[in-house]
N, C-alpha and C. Protein backbone atom coordinates (compact mmCIF):
# COMPACT_ATOMS: atom_id res chain seq x y z
N UNK A 1 -43.53 -1.83 41.42
CA UNK A 1 -43.72 -0.59 40.67
C UNK A 1 -44.28 -0.92 39.28
N UNK A 2 -45.28 -0.22 38.87
CA UNK A 2 -45.95 -0.46 37.60
C UNK A 2 -45.12 0.07 36.44
N UNK A 3 -45.16 -0.64 35.35
CA UNK A 3 -44.48 -0.17 34.15
C UNK A 3 -45.27 1.00 33.57
N UNK A 4 -44.53 1.91 32.93
CA UNK A 4 -45.14 3.07 32.30
C UNK A 4 -44.73 3.09 30.83
N UNK A 5 -45.63 3.56 29.98
CA UNK A 5 -45.39 3.60 28.54
C UNK A 5 -45.66 5.00 28.01
N UNK A 6 -44.99 5.32 26.91
CA UNK A 6 -45.31 6.53 26.16
C UNK A 6 -46.11 6.08 24.94
N UNK A 7 -47.30 6.65 24.79
CA UNK A 7 -48.14 6.42 23.63
C UNK A 7 -47.91 7.56 22.65
N UNK A 8 -47.64 7.22 21.40
CA UNK A 8 -47.48 8.20 20.33
C UNK A 8 -48.51 7.86 19.26
N UNK A 9 -49.34 8.83 18.90
CA UNK A 9 -50.38 8.60 17.90
C UNK A 9 -50.45 9.81 16.97
N UNK A 10 -50.80 9.56 15.73
CA UNK A 10 -50.91 10.61 14.71
C UNK A 10 -52.39 10.80 14.38
N UNK A 11 -52.83 12.06 14.43
CA UNK A 11 -54.27 12.34 14.32
C UNK A 11 -54.50 13.67 13.60
N UNK A 12 -55.53 13.74 12.74
CA UNK A 12 -55.83 15.00 12.06
C UNK A 12 -56.37 16.04 13.04
N UNK A 13 -56.21 17.30 12.67
CA UNK A 13 -56.60 18.42 13.52
C UNK A 13 -58.04 18.32 14.00
N UNK A 14 -58.93 17.91 13.13
CA UNK A 14 -60.36 17.88 13.45
C UNK A 14 -60.68 16.93 14.62
N UNK A 15 -59.78 15.98 14.91
CA UNK A 15 -60.09 14.96 15.91
C UNK A 15 -59.19 14.99 17.14
N UNK A 16 -58.21 15.87 17.21
CA UNK A 16 -57.22 15.78 18.29
C UNK A 16 -57.83 16.03 19.67
N UNK A 17 -58.66 17.02 19.82
CA UNK A 17 -59.19 17.32 21.15
C UNK A 17 -60.11 16.21 21.66
N UNK A 18 -60.93 15.67 20.79
CA UNK A 18 -61.80 14.56 21.19
C UNK A 18 -61.00 13.32 21.54
N UNK A 19 -59.94 13.06 20.79
CA UNK A 19 -59.11 11.89 21.08
C UNK A 19 -58.38 12.07 22.40
N UNK A 20 -57.82 13.26 22.64
CA UNK A 20 -57.16 13.50 23.93
C UNK A 20 -58.13 13.28 25.08
N UNK A 21 -59.32 13.81 24.97
CA UNK A 21 -60.32 13.64 26.04
C UNK A 21 -60.58 12.16 26.30
N UNK A 22 -60.78 11.38 25.23
CA UNK A 22 -61.06 9.96 25.39
C UNK A 22 -59.88 9.22 26.02
N UNK A 23 -58.65 9.55 25.61
CA UNK A 23 -57.47 8.90 26.17
C UNK A 23 -57.33 9.24 27.65
N UNK A 24 -57.53 10.51 28.00
CA UNK A 24 -57.42 10.92 29.40
C UNK A 24 -58.50 10.25 30.25
N UNK A 25 -59.71 10.14 29.73
CA UNK A 25 -60.80 9.48 30.45
C UNK A 25 -60.48 8.00 30.70
N UNK A 26 -59.69 7.40 29.80
CA UNK A 26 -59.34 5.98 29.92
C UNK A 26 -58.12 5.76 30.82
N UNK A 27 -57.51 6.85 31.30
CA UNK A 27 -56.40 6.71 32.24
C UNK A 27 -55.06 7.22 31.74
N UNK A 28 -54.96 7.64 30.50
CA UNK A 28 -53.69 8.16 29.98
C UNK A 28 -53.43 9.57 30.51
N UNK A 29 -52.17 9.99 30.43
CA UNK A 29 -51.82 11.37 30.74
C UNK A 29 -51.55 11.69 32.19
N UNK A 30 -51.30 10.68 33.02
CA UNK A 30 -51.02 10.92 34.44
C UNK A 30 -49.52 10.94 34.66
N UNK A 31 -49.04 12.01 35.29
CA UNK A 31 -47.62 12.15 35.64
C UNK A 31 -47.56 12.68 37.06
N UNK A 32 -47.27 11.78 38.00
CA UNK A 32 -47.21 12.20 39.41
C UNK A 32 -48.55 12.75 39.87
N UNK A 33 -48.55 13.99 40.34
CA UNK A 33 -49.76 14.63 40.84
C UNK A 33 -50.48 15.46 39.77
N UNK A 34 -50.27 15.13 38.50
CA UNK A 34 -50.88 15.86 37.38
C UNK A 34 -51.63 14.87 36.50
N UNK A 35 -52.68 15.35 35.85
CA UNK A 35 -53.34 14.53 34.84
C UNK A 35 -53.55 15.36 33.58
N UNK A 36 -54.10 14.74 32.56
CA UNK A 36 -54.32 15.38 31.25
C UNK A 36 -53.02 15.89 30.65
N UNK A 37 -51.92 15.21 30.92
CA UNK A 37 -50.60 15.61 30.41
C UNK A 37 -50.39 15.03 29.01
N UNK A 38 -49.93 15.87 28.09
CA UNK A 38 -49.60 15.41 26.75
C UNK A 38 -48.66 16.41 26.10
N UNK A 39 -48.13 16.02 24.97
CA UNK A 39 -47.28 16.88 24.15
C UNK A 39 -47.70 16.64 22.72
N UNK A 40 -47.69 17.69 21.90
CA UNK A 40 -48.10 17.53 20.51
C UNK A 40 -47.34 18.49 19.61
N UNK A 41 -47.15 18.06 18.38
CA UNK A 41 -46.50 18.89 17.37
C UNK A 41 -47.14 18.58 16.02
N UNK A 42 -47.27 19.60 15.20
CA UNK A 42 -47.91 19.46 13.90
C UNK A 42 -46.88 19.04 12.85
N UNK A 43 -47.26 18.10 12.02
CA UNK A 43 -46.41 17.64 10.92
C UNK A 43 -47.29 17.21 9.77
N UNK A 44 -46.71 16.47 8.84
CA UNK A 44 -47.48 15.98 7.69
C UNK A 44 -47.41 14.47 7.62
N UNK A 45 -48.53 13.88 7.33
CA UNK A 45 -48.61 12.44 7.10
C UNK A 45 -49.07 12.19 5.68
N UNK A 46 -48.81 10.99 5.21
CA UNK A 46 -49.30 10.64 3.89
C UNK A 46 -49.72 9.19 3.87
N UNK A 47 -50.66 8.89 2.98
CA UNK A 47 -51.16 7.53 2.82
C UNK A 47 -51.93 7.45 1.51
N UNK A 48 -52.06 6.22 1.03
CA UNK A 48 -52.90 5.96 -0.15
C UNK A 48 -53.89 4.86 0.25
N UNK A 49 -55.15 5.18 0.35
CA UNK A 49 -56.13 4.14 0.64
C UNK A 49 -56.20 3.12 -0.49
N UNK A 50 -56.19 1.86 -0.15
CA UNK A 50 -56.26 0.79 -1.14
C UNK A 50 -57.70 0.37 -1.37
N UNK A 51 -57.90 -0.41 -2.40
CA UNK A 51 -59.23 -0.92 -2.73
C UNK A 51 -59.79 -1.67 -1.52
N UNK A 52 -61.03 -1.42 -1.19
CA UNK A 52 -61.67 -2.07 -0.06
C UNK A 52 -61.60 -1.25 1.22
N UNK A 53 -60.78 -0.18 1.23
CA UNK A 53 -60.68 0.66 2.43
C UNK A 53 -61.87 1.61 2.49
N UNK A 54 -62.07 2.15 3.70
CA UNK A 54 -63.11 3.16 3.91
C UNK A 54 -62.45 4.37 4.57
N UNK A 55 -61.70 5.15 3.80
CA UNK A 55 -60.93 6.25 4.41
C UNK A 55 -61.81 7.37 4.95
N UNK A 56 -61.37 7.91 6.08
CA UNK A 56 -62.01 9.08 6.68
C UNK A 56 -61.74 10.31 5.81
N UNK A 57 -60.53 10.36 5.25
CA UNK A 57 -60.10 11.45 4.37
C UNK A 57 -59.58 10.81 3.09
N UNK A 58 -59.95 11.36 1.95
CA UNK A 58 -59.45 10.89 0.67
C UNK A 58 -60.30 9.78 0.07
N UNK A 59 -59.76 9.19 -1.01
CA UNK A 59 -60.48 8.11 -1.68
C UNK A 59 -59.48 7.04 -2.13
N UNK A 60 -59.98 5.84 -2.30
CA UNK A 60 -59.14 4.72 -2.68
C UNK A 60 -58.35 5.02 -3.95
N UNK A 61 -57.07 4.72 -3.92
CA UNK A 61 -56.20 4.90 -5.08
C UNK A 61 -55.54 6.26 -5.18
N UNK A 62 -55.94 7.22 -4.36
CA UNK A 62 -55.36 8.57 -4.43
C UNK A 62 -54.47 8.83 -3.22
N UNK A 63 -53.26 9.30 -3.49
CA UNK A 63 -52.32 9.63 -2.43
C UNK A 63 -52.81 10.88 -1.70
N UNK A 64 -52.82 10.81 -0.39
CA UNK A 64 -53.23 11.94 0.45
C UNK A 64 -52.03 12.41 1.27
N UNK A 65 -51.83 13.70 1.31
CA UNK A 65 -50.83 14.33 2.18
C UNK A 65 -51.58 15.38 2.98
N UNK A 66 -51.51 15.28 4.30
CA UNK A 66 -52.29 16.21 5.11
C UNK A 66 -51.59 16.50 6.43
N UNK A 67 -51.99 17.61 7.03
CA UNK A 67 -51.48 17.97 8.34
C UNK A 67 -52.04 17.01 9.38
N UNK A 68 -51.16 16.53 10.24
CA UNK A 68 -51.55 15.66 11.35
C UNK A 68 -50.75 16.06 12.58
N UNK A 69 -51.35 15.84 13.73
CA UNK A 69 -50.67 16.06 15.00
C UNK A 69 -50.00 14.78 15.45
N UNK A 70 -48.77 14.89 15.94
CA UNK A 70 -48.13 13.80 16.67
C UNK A 70 -48.43 14.09 18.13
N UNK A 71 -49.21 13.22 18.73
CA UNK A 71 -49.64 13.37 20.11
C UNK A 71 -48.92 12.33 20.95
N UNK A 72 -48.31 12.77 22.06
CA UNK A 72 -47.62 11.88 22.98
C UNK A 72 -48.24 12.04 24.36
N UNK A 73 -48.40 10.91 25.05
CA UNK A 73 -48.90 10.93 26.41
C UNK A 73 -48.41 9.68 27.13
N UNK A 74 -48.51 9.67 28.44
CA UNK A 74 -48.04 8.54 29.24
C UNK A 74 -49.21 7.64 29.61
N UNK A 75 -48.88 6.35 29.76
CA UNK A 75 -49.90 5.36 30.12
C UNK A 75 -49.28 4.35 31.09
N UNK A 76 -49.95 4.13 32.21
CA UNK A 76 -49.54 3.07 33.14
C UNK A 76 -49.94 1.72 32.53
N UNK A 77 -49.15 0.70 32.80
CA UNK A 77 -49.41 -0.63 32.22
C UNK A 77 -50.84 -1.10 32.51
N UNK A 78 -51.34 -0.87 33.71
CA UNK A 78 -52.68 -1.32 34.08
C UNK A 78 -53.78 -0.66 33.24
N UNK A 79 -53.47 0.51 32.66
CA UNK A 79 -54.46 1.24 31.87
C UNK A 79 -54.34 0.99 30.37
N UNK A 80 -53.32 0.24 29.95
CA UNK A 80 -53.10 0.03 28.51
C UNK A 80 -54.32 -0.52 27.77
N UNK A 81 -54.96 -1.57 28.25
CA UNK A 81 -56.11 -2.10 27.48
C UNK A 81 -57.21 -1.06 27.24
N UNK A 82 -57.56 -0.30 28.27
CA UNK A 82 -58.63 0.70 28.12
C UNK A 82 -58.18 1.87 27.26
N UNK A 83 -56.92 2.27 27.38
CA UNK A 83 -56.42 3.40 26.58
C UNK A 83 -56.37 3.02 25.10
N UNK A 84 -55.88 1.83 24.79
CA UNK A 84 -55.84 1.40 23.38
C UNK A 84 -57.25 1.25 22.83
N UNK A 85 -58.16 0.74 23.64
CA UNK A 85 -59.56 0.63 23.22
C UNK A 85 -60.14 2.03 22.94
N UNK A 86 -59.87 2.98 23.82
CA UNK A 86 -60.34 4.36 23.62
C UNK A 86 -59.74 4.96 22.36
N UNK A 87 -58.46 4.68 22.12
CA UNK A 87 -57.81 5.19 20.91
C UNK A 87 -58.52 4.65 19.67
N UNK A 88 -58.70 3.35 19.61
CA UNK A 88 -59.32 2.73 18.43
C UNK A 88 -60.78 3.18 18.26
N UNK A 89 -61.50 3.39 19.36
CA UNK A 89 -62.91 3.78 19.27
C UNK A 89 -63.12 5.26 18.97
N UNK A 90 -62.10 6.09 19.20
CA UNK A 90 -62.28 7.54 19.06
C UNK A 90 -61.39 8.18 18.00
N UNK A 91 -60.54 7.41 17.36
CA UNK A 91 -59.70 7.92 16.28
C UNK A 91 -60.50 7.81 14.99
N UNK A 92 -60.49 8.85 14.15
CA UNK A 92 -61.32 8.80 12.94
C UNK A 92 -60.81 7.84 11.87
N UNK A 93 -59.53 7.48 11.90
CA UNK A 93 -58.97 6.64 10.85
C UNK A 93 -59.36 5.18 11.05
N UNK A 94 -59.55 4.50 9.95
CA UNK A 94 -59.84 3.07 9.94
C UNK A 94 -58.68 2.27 10.54
N UNK A 95 -57.45 2.71 10.27
CA UNK A 95 -56.22 2.07 10.76
C UNK A 95 -55.34 3.14 11.42
N UNK A 96 -55.61 3.55 12.65
CA UNK A 96 -54.79 4.59 13.27
C UNK A 96 -53.35 4.12 13.50
N UNK A 97 -52.40 4.99 13.19
CA UNK A 97 -50.98 4.69 13.41
C UNK A 97 -50.61 5.13 14.83
N UNK A 98 -50.10 4.17 15.62
CA UNK A 98 -49.66 4.53 16.97
C UNK A 98 -48.53 3.60 17.40
N UNK A 99 -47.75 4.08 18.37
CA UNK A 99 -46.64 3.33 18.94
C UNK A 99 -46.73 3.39 20.46
N UNK A 100 -46.21 2.35 21.09
CA UNK A 100 -46.08 2.32 22.55
C UNK A 100 -44.62 2.02 22.87
N UNK A 101 -44.02 2.87 23.71
CA UNK A 101 -42.63 2.70 24.12
C UNK A 101 -42.58 2.56 25.63
N UNK A 102 -41.92 1.50 26.12
CA UNK A 102 -41.78 1.36 27.56
C UNK A 102 -40.79 2.40 28.06
N UNK A 103 -41.13 3.03 29.18
CA UNK A 103 -40.27 4.04 29.80
C UNK A 103 -39.59 3.38 31.01
N UNK A 104 -38.29 3.52 31.08
CA UNK A 104 -37.53 2.95 32.18
C UNK A 104 -37.21 4.02 33.21
N UNK A 105 -37.32 3.67 34.46
CA UNK A 105 -37.00 4.58 35.56
C UNK A 105 -35.48 4.71 35.62
N UNK A 106 -34.94 5.92 35.44
CA UNK A 106 -33.49 6.09 35.46
C UNK A 106 -32.84 5.65 36.76
N UNK A 107 -33.59 5.63 37.86
CA UNK A 107 -33.05 5.19 39.14
C UNK A 107 -32.72 3.70 39.13
N UNK A 108 -33.34 2.95 38.22
CA UNK A 108 -33.13 1.51 38.16
C UNK A 108 -32.18 1.07 37.05
N UNK A 109 -31.55 2.00 36.36
CA UNK A 109 -30.62 1.68 35.29
C UNK A 109 -29.21 1.90 35.79
N UNK A 110 -28.36 0.88 35.74
CA UNK A 110 -26.97 1.04 36.21
C UNK A 110 -26.17 1.94 35.28
N UNK A 111 -25.37 2.84 35.86
CA UNK A 111 -24.54 3.76 35.10
C UNK A 111 -23.07 3.54 35.42
N UNK A 112 -22.63 2.30 35.43
CA UNK A 112 -21.22 2.03 35.70
C UNK A 112 -21.00 1.76 37.18
N UNK A 113 -19.84 2.09 37.66
CA UNK A 113 -19.47 1.78 39.04
C UNK A 113 -20.25 2.65 40.05
N UNK A 114 -20.55 2.02 41.18
CA UNK A 114 -21.19 2.75 42.28
C UNK A 114 -20.20 3.70 42.90
N UNK A 115 -20.67 4.79 43.42
CA UNK A 115 -19.79 5.76 44.05
C UNK A 115 -19.92 5.71 45.53
């Protein structure tokens, strides 16, 4: 059985639909007999671009606070390289913030004594 991961990435409103499309094309978002599956919620992110950076939003030395989407989707282990490549190639930020969490099948986790 292949390992599955949850990808969490933060993205500005202007880029979320394009990023979702690229991630889904690379294999993310499959859950059983469904594809293009994701979850998103709007929040605020902040950052200060340092000297030498090339920010998509803002300018070096100035603190930026802006609305960003937290986008979550599933990725099979075999698709991780292409999905991460798609994320990096289609995210507008120079340094996109993202996390990968391994998902464990509850059927394979012991819950105490057998019945």
